N, C-alpha and C. Protein backbone atom coordinates (compact mmCIF):
# COMPACT_ATOMS: atom_id res chain seq x y z
N MET A 1 -13.19 5.31 21.94
CA MET A 1 -14.39 5.21 21.18
C MET A 1 -16.14 4.87 22.36
N THR A 2 -16.17 4.70 22.54
CA THR A 2 -17.62 4.54 23.49
C THR A 2 -17.42 6.02 23.93
N ALA A 3 -16.86 6.29 24.65
CA ALA A 3 -16.73 7.95 25.05
C ALA A 3 -17.01 8.91 24.14
N PHE A 4 -16.88 8.57 22.73
CA PHE A 4 -17.24 9.41 22.04
C PHE A 4 -18.95 9.70 21.44
N GLN A 5 -18.95 8.28 21.81
CA GLN A 5 -20.47 7.68 21.13
C GLN A 5 -21.10 8.45 22.89
N ALA A 6 -20.93 8.47 23.25
CA ALA A 6 -22.04 8.43 24.10
C ALA A 6 -21.76 10.16 24.95
N ASP A 7 -21.46 10.94 23.96
CA ASP A 7 -21.55 12.21 23.85
C ASP A 7 -21.36 12.59 22.64
N LEU A 8 -22.62 11.92 21.76
CA LEU A 8 -22.18 12.68 20.05
C LEU A 8 -23.19 13.42 19.62
N ALA A 9 -24.24 13.69 20.97
CA ALA A 9 -25.53 15.08 21.08
C ALA A 9 -24.56 15.66 21.42
N ARG A 10 -23.69 15.58 22.43
CA ARG A 10 -22.72 17.38 22.75
C ARG A 10 -22.18 17.72 21.43
N PHE A 11 -21.26 16.33 20.60
CA PHE A 11 -20.57 16.79 19.69
C PHE A 11 -21.65 17.77 18.68
N ALA A 12 -22.82 17.10 18.46
CA ALA A 12 -23.12 17.44 17.08
C ALA A 12 -24.30 19.12 17.99
N ASP A 13 -24.14 19.27 18.77
CA ASP A 13 -24.73 20.49 18.99
C ASP A 13 -23.71 21.71 19.17
N LEU A 14 -22.26 20.87 18.55
CA LEU A 14 -21.37 22.11 18.59
C LEU A 14 -21.20 22.11 16.59
N ASN A 15 -21.95 21.24 16.30
CA ASN A 15 -22.26 20.99 14.81
C ASN A 15 -20.84 20.50 14.75
N ALA A 16 -19.94 19.68 15.11
CA ALA A 16 -19.39 18.72 14.87
C ALA A 16 -19.58 17.23 14.27
N GLN A 17 -18.20 16.86 14.12
CA GLN A 17 -18.67 15.56 13.79
C GLN A 17 -17.61 14.50 13.66
N VAL A 18 -17.97 13.21 14.49
CA VAL A 18 -16.75 12.62 14.77
C VAL A 18 -16.43 11.37 14.04
N VAL A 19 -15.24 11.10 13.70
CA VAL A 19 -15.02 10.28 12.76
C VAL A 19 -13.91 9.31 13.30
N GLY A 20 -13.78 8.19 13.86
CA GLY A 20 -12.82 7.27 14.15
C GLY A 20 -12.11 7.02 12.74
N ILE A 21 -10.71 7.00 12.09
CA ILE A 21 -10.12 6.52 11.58
C ILE A 21 -9.01 5.39 12.47
N SER A 22 -8.95 4.51 11.84
CA SER A 22 -7.84 2.84 12.45
C SER A 22 -7.20 3.01 11.13
N CYS A 23 -5.67 2.54 11.61
CA CYS A 23 -5.12 1.46 10.25
C CYS A 23 -5.08 0.62 10.54
N ASP A 24 -5.79 -0.46 11.00
CA ASP A 24 -6.54 -1.50 10.68
C ASP A 24 -7.71 -1.64 9.42
N ASN A 25 -7.41 -3.28 8.89
CA ASN A 25 -8.63 -3.30 7.98
C ASN A 25 -10.46 -3.21 8.19
N VAL A 26 -10.97 -3.06 7.05
CA VAL A 26 -11.98 -3.25 7.35
C VAL A 26 -12.85 -4.33 7.71
N PRO A 27 -12.69 -5.55 8.00
CA PRO A 27 -13.24 -6.62 8.82
C PRO A 27 -12.66 -6.19 9.83
N THR A 28 -11.84 -6.07 10.48
CA THR A 28 -10.84 -5.90 11.72
C THR A 28 -11.66 -4.63 12.47
N ASN A 29 -12.32 -3.47 11.61
CA ASN A 29 -12.64 -2.24 12.32
C ASN A 29 -14.46 -2.89 12.40
N ILE A 30 -14.74 -3.75 11.21
CA ILE A 30 -16.04 -4.29 11.81
C ILE A 30 -16.75 -5.06 12.54
N ALA A 31 -15.22 -6.11 12.88
CA ALA A 31 -15.33 -6.75 14.23
C ALA A 31 -15.26 -5.86 15.98
N PHE A 32 -14.26 -4.96 15.57
CA PHE A 32 -13.80 -3.97 16.95
C PHE A 32 -15.55 -3.03 17.31
N ARG A 33 -16.20 -2.61 16.22
CA ARG A 33 -17.55 -1.79 16.07
C ARG A 33 -17.91 -2.93 17.10
N LYS A 34 -17.86 -4.11 16.03
CA LYS A 34 -19.33 -5.10 17.27
C LYS A 34 -18.67 -5.17 18.78
N HIS A 35 -17.34 -6.01 19.21
CA HIS A 35 -16.85 -5.97 20.58
C HIS A 35 -17.33 -4.32 21.16
N LEU A 36 -17.20 -3.25 20.50
CA LEU A 36 -17.84 -2.24 21.24
C LEU A 36 -19.21 -1.86 21.92
N GLY A 37 -20.07 -2.71 21.47
CA GLY A 37 -21.51 -2.44 21.44
C GLY A 37 -21.83 -2.02 19.65
N GLY A 38 -21.26 -1.54 18.96
CA GLY A 38 -21.68 -0.88 18.05
C GLY A 38 -21.66 0.57 18.03
N LEU A 39 -21.36 1.13 17.33
CA LEU A 39 -20.78 2.46 17.16
C LEU A 39 -21.38 3.82 15.64
N SER A 40 -22.60 4.50 16.38
CA SER A 40 -23.21 5.32 15.22
C SER A 40 -22.40 6.59 14.62
N TYR A 41 -21.18 6.51 14.73
CA TYR A 41 -20.69 7.42 13.85
C TYR A 41 -19.27 6.44 13.29
N PRO A 42 -18.58 7.83 11.91
CA PRO A 42 -18.00 6.45 10.81
C PRO A 42 -16.28 5.80 11.72
N LEU A 43 -15.99 4.97 11.28
CA LEU A 43 -15.06 4.33 11.70
C LEU A 43 -14.25 3.39 9.94
N LEU A 44 -13.71 4.63 9.63
CA LEU A 44 -12.61 4.52 8.81
C LEU A 44 -11.47 3.65 8.67
N SER A 45 -11.09 2.98 7.08
CA SER A 45 -10.08 2.14 7.71
C SER A 45 -9.00 3.15 6.97
N ASP A 46 -7.66 2.86 7.46
CA ASP A 46 -6.30 3.64 6.75
C ASP A 46 -5.02 1.92 6.32
N PHE A 47 -5.63 1.21 6.11
CA PHE A 47 -5.06 0.23 5.73
C PHE A 47 -4.84 -0.17 4.12
N TYR A 48 -4.95 0.66 3.53
CA TYR A 48 -4.62 0.93 2.21
C TYR A 48 -4.38 2.31 1.22
N PRO A 49 -3.22 2.71 1.27
CA PRO A 49 -1.68 2.14 1.75
C PRO A 49 -2.21 2.32 2.68
N HIS A 50 -0.99 1.18 3.39
CA HIS A 50 -0.93 1.33 4.80
C HIS A 50 -0.60 2.72 5.48
N GLY A 51 -1.42 3.21 6.49
CA GLY A 51 -1.47 4.13 6.99
C GLY A 51 -0.97 5.88 6.47
N ALA A 52 -1.97 5.95 5.79
CA ALA A 52 -1.49 6.97 5.04
C ALA A 52 -1.76 8.38 5.54
N VAL A 53 -3.06 8.13 6.19
CA VAL A 53 -3.94 9.68 6.37
C VAL A 53 -3.28 9.79 7.93
N ALA A 54 -2.60 8.59 8.48
CA ALA A 54 -1.56 8.48 10.00
C ALA A 54 -0.65 9.12 9.58
N GLN A 55 0.02 9.02 8.52
CA GLN A 55 0.91 9.61 7.93
C GLN A 55 1.19 11.22 7.78
N LYS A 56 0.70 11.11 7.20
CA LYS A 56 0.01 13.18 6.79
C LYS A 56 -0.07 13.78 7.85
N PHE A 57 -0.58 13.17 8.69
CA PHE A 57 -0.70 13.56 10.02
C PHE A 57 -0.14 13.95 11.18
N GLY A 58 1.13 12.76 11.04
CA GLY A 58 2.32 12.97 11.78
C GLY A 58 1.63 12.27 12.83
N VAL A 59 1.23 10.60 12.88
CA VAL A 59 0.72 9.96 13.64
C VAL A 59 1.04 8.74 13.87
N PHE A 60 1.77 8.23 12.20
CA PHE A 60 1.83 7.29 12.31
C PHE A 60 3.00 6.66 13.02
N ARG A 61 2.88 5.48 14.01
CA ARG A 61 4.72 4.73 14.72
C ARG A 61 5.12 3.37 13.58
N THR A 62 6.18 4.15 13.28
CA THR A 62 7.23 2.95 12.45
C THR A 62 8.05 2.42 13.29
N GLY A 63 8.42 3.13 14.99
CA GLY A 63 9.09 2.37 15.18
C GLY A 63 8.52 1.52 16.56
N ASP A 64 9.07 0.87 17.69
CA ASP A 64 9.27 0.32 18.82
C ASP A 64 8.73 1.09 19.86
N PRO A 65 7.68 1.17 20.41
CA PRO A 65 6.98 0.32 20.31
C PRO A 65 5.74 -0.33 19.26
N LEU A 66 5.07 -0.99 19.05
CA LEU A 66 3.91 -1.35 18.11
C LEU A 66 3.92 -0.87 17.05
N PRO A 67 4.66 -0.99 16.27
CA PRO A 67 5.34 0.14 14.73
C PRO A 67 4.18 -0.62 13.67
N GLY A 68 3.52 0.39 12.55
CA GLY A 68 2.62 0.06 11.91
C GLY A 68 0.82 0.13 12.55
N ILE A 69 0.88 0.73 13.81
CA ILE A 69 -0.47 1.76 14.20
C ILE A 69 -0.05 3.28 14.16
N SER A 70 -1.19 3.86 14.38
CA SER A 70 -1.79 5.41 14.73
C SER A 70 -1.03 5.26 15.96
N GLU A 71 -0.98 6.58 16.57
CA GLU A 71 -1.04 6.53 17.45
C GLU A 71 -2.75 7.72 18.30
N ARG A 72 -2.68 7.22 19.41
CA ARG A 72 -4.14 7.75 19.80
C ARG A 72 -4.23 9.47 19.93
N ALA A 73 -4.78 9.78 18.91
CA ALA A 73 -4.47 11.23 18.66
C ALA A 73 -6.69 11.89 18.08
N VAL A 74 -6.65 13.00 18.31
CA VAL A 74 -7.75 13.79 18.54
C VAL A 74 -7.25 15.38 17.60
N PHE A 75 -8.08 15.12 16.17
CA PHE A 75 -7.88 15.91 16.09
C PHE A 75 -8.95 17.40 15.82
N VAL A 76 -9.45 18.23 16.16
CA VAL A 76 -10.45 19.15 15.85
C VAL A 76 -9.96 20.05 14.00
N VAL A 77 -10.59 19.47 13.15
CA VAL A 77 -11.03 20.66 11.92
C VAL A 77 -12.22 20.92 11.85
N ASP A 78 -11.46 22.83 11.81
CA ASP A 78 -12.62 23.38 11.03
C ASP A 78 -13.06 23.19 9.58
N LYS A 79 -14.52 24.60 9.43
CA LYS A 79 -14.79 24.14 8.10
C LYS A 79 -14.42 24.13 6.80
N GLN A 80 -13.30 25.31 7.18
CA GLN A 80 -11.97 25.22 5.75
C GLN A 80 -10.63 23.80 5.96
N GLY A 81 -11.05 23.50 6.88
CA GLY A 81 -9.98 22.11 6.23
C GLY A 81 -8.70 22.74 7.44
N LYS A 82 -8.66 23.65 8.18
CA LYS A 82 -7.41 23.41 9.16
C LYS A 82 -7.72 22.83 10.36
N ILE A 83 -6.47 22.06 9.77
CA ILE A 83 -6.49 21.59 11.81
C ILE A 83 -6.46 22.81 13.33
N VAL A 84 -7.28 22.66 14.08
CA VAL A 84 -7.03 24.34 14.90
C VAL A 84 -7.38 23.57 16.39
N TRP A 85 -6.94 22.13 16.51
CA TRP A 85 -6.42 22.08 17.77
C TRP A 85 -6.19 20.04 17.70
N ALA A 86 -5.87 19.53 18.12
CA ALA A 86 -4.54 18.61 17.87
C ALA A 86 -4.04 17.87 19.67
N LYS A 87 -4.73 16.91 19.55
CA LYS A 87 -3.74 16.25 20.81
C LYS A 87 -3.07 14.97 20.61
N VAL A 88 -2.33 14.14 21.48
CA VAL A 88 -1.74 12.99 20.70
C VAL A 88 -1.99 11.95 22.77
N PHE A 89 -2.13 11.02 22.74
CA PHE A 89 -2.52 10.53 23.76
C PHE A 89 -1.97 9.41 23.76
N GLU A 90 -1.26 8.61 25.24
CA GLU A 90 -0.59 7.85 25.62
C GLU A 90 -1.68 6.44 25.53
N LEU A 91 -1.06 5.29 24.95
CA LEU A 91 -1.98 4.20 24.57
C LEU A 91 -1.55 3.42 26.40
N PRO A 92 -2.75 3.09 26.17
CA PRO A 92 -3.78 3.54 26.33
C PRO A 92 -4.98 4.38 26.18
N THR A 93 -4.67 5.33 27.01
CA THR A 93 -5.58 6.45 27.49
C THR A 93 -6.59 6.12 26.64
N GLN A 94 -7.40 7.15 27.19
CA GLN A 94 -9.27 7.12 26.68
C GLN A 94 -8.91 9.18 26.99
N PRO A 95 -8.97 9.99 25.67
CA PRO A 95 -8.96 11.19 25.42
C PRO A 95 -10.37 11.50 26.56
N ASP A 96 -10.29 12.27 26.95
CA ASP A 96 -11.57 13.19 28.28
C ASP A 96 -11.97 13.81 27.03
N ASN A 97 -13.75 14.28 26.97
CA ASN A 97 -13.99 14.55 25.77
C ASN A 97 -14.08 16.27 26.11
N ALA A 98 -13.63 16.27 27.61
CA ALA A 98 -14.20 18.21 27.50
C ALA A 98 -13.08 18.62 27.23
N PRO A 99 -11.88 18.70 27.31
CA PRO A 99 -10.92 20.14 26.52
C PRO A 99 -11.09 19.66 24.52
N ILE A 100 -11.97 18.61 24.26
CA ILE A 100 -12.34 17.89 23.00
C ILE A 100 -13.70 19.11 22.80
N LEU A 101 -14.25 18.63 23.70
CA LEU A 101 -15.54 20.22 23.83
C LEU A 101 -14.93 21.89 23.71
N ASP A 102 -14.63 21.83 24.42
CA ASP A 102 -13.83 23.36 24.84
C ASP A 102 -13.40 23.59 23.61
N ALA A 103 -12.60 22.71 22.84
CA ALA A 103 -11.91 22.84 21.71
C ALA A 103 -12.67 23.93 20.49
N LEU A 104 -13.82 22.43 20.86
CA LEU A 104 -14.91 22.95 19.18
C LEU A 104 -15.60 24.32 19.72
N LYS A 105 -16.16 24.38 20.96
CA LYS A 105 -16.73 25.66 21.26
C LYS A 105 -16.01 27.34 20.62
N LYS A 106 -14.64 27.31 20.18
CA LYS A 106 -13.76 28.26 19.98
C LYS A 106 -13.54 27.95 18.77
N VAL A 107 -13.98 26.70 17.70
CA VAL A 107 -14.47 27.25 16.19
C VAL A 107 -14.89 28.14 15.88
N LYS A 108 -15.25 28.99 14.97
CA LYS A 108 -15.49 30.03 13.85
C LYS A 108 -16.31 29.41 13.23
């Protein structure tokens, strides 16, 4: 999450909006933002109905380990709402922004 924060200007240069989504509730997200030192992009709660967004994107965990959370995943969505790039990362891997930025450069 902090890597996205560090590269926000690079994302903005590509007309991209960074949005985080977590299956945690709002108070937990607020505490997490504070723990990270603050984020200047939205961190949304997919808590109720629990994991509905993660389920629609196919990244909600239902079995072990850690059921009830989402996979760590990144989606690039174009202006028409089409997913044009997606990758799921093993926990606790922090995504590298370079391939995400490369994917954004290809979005028309």
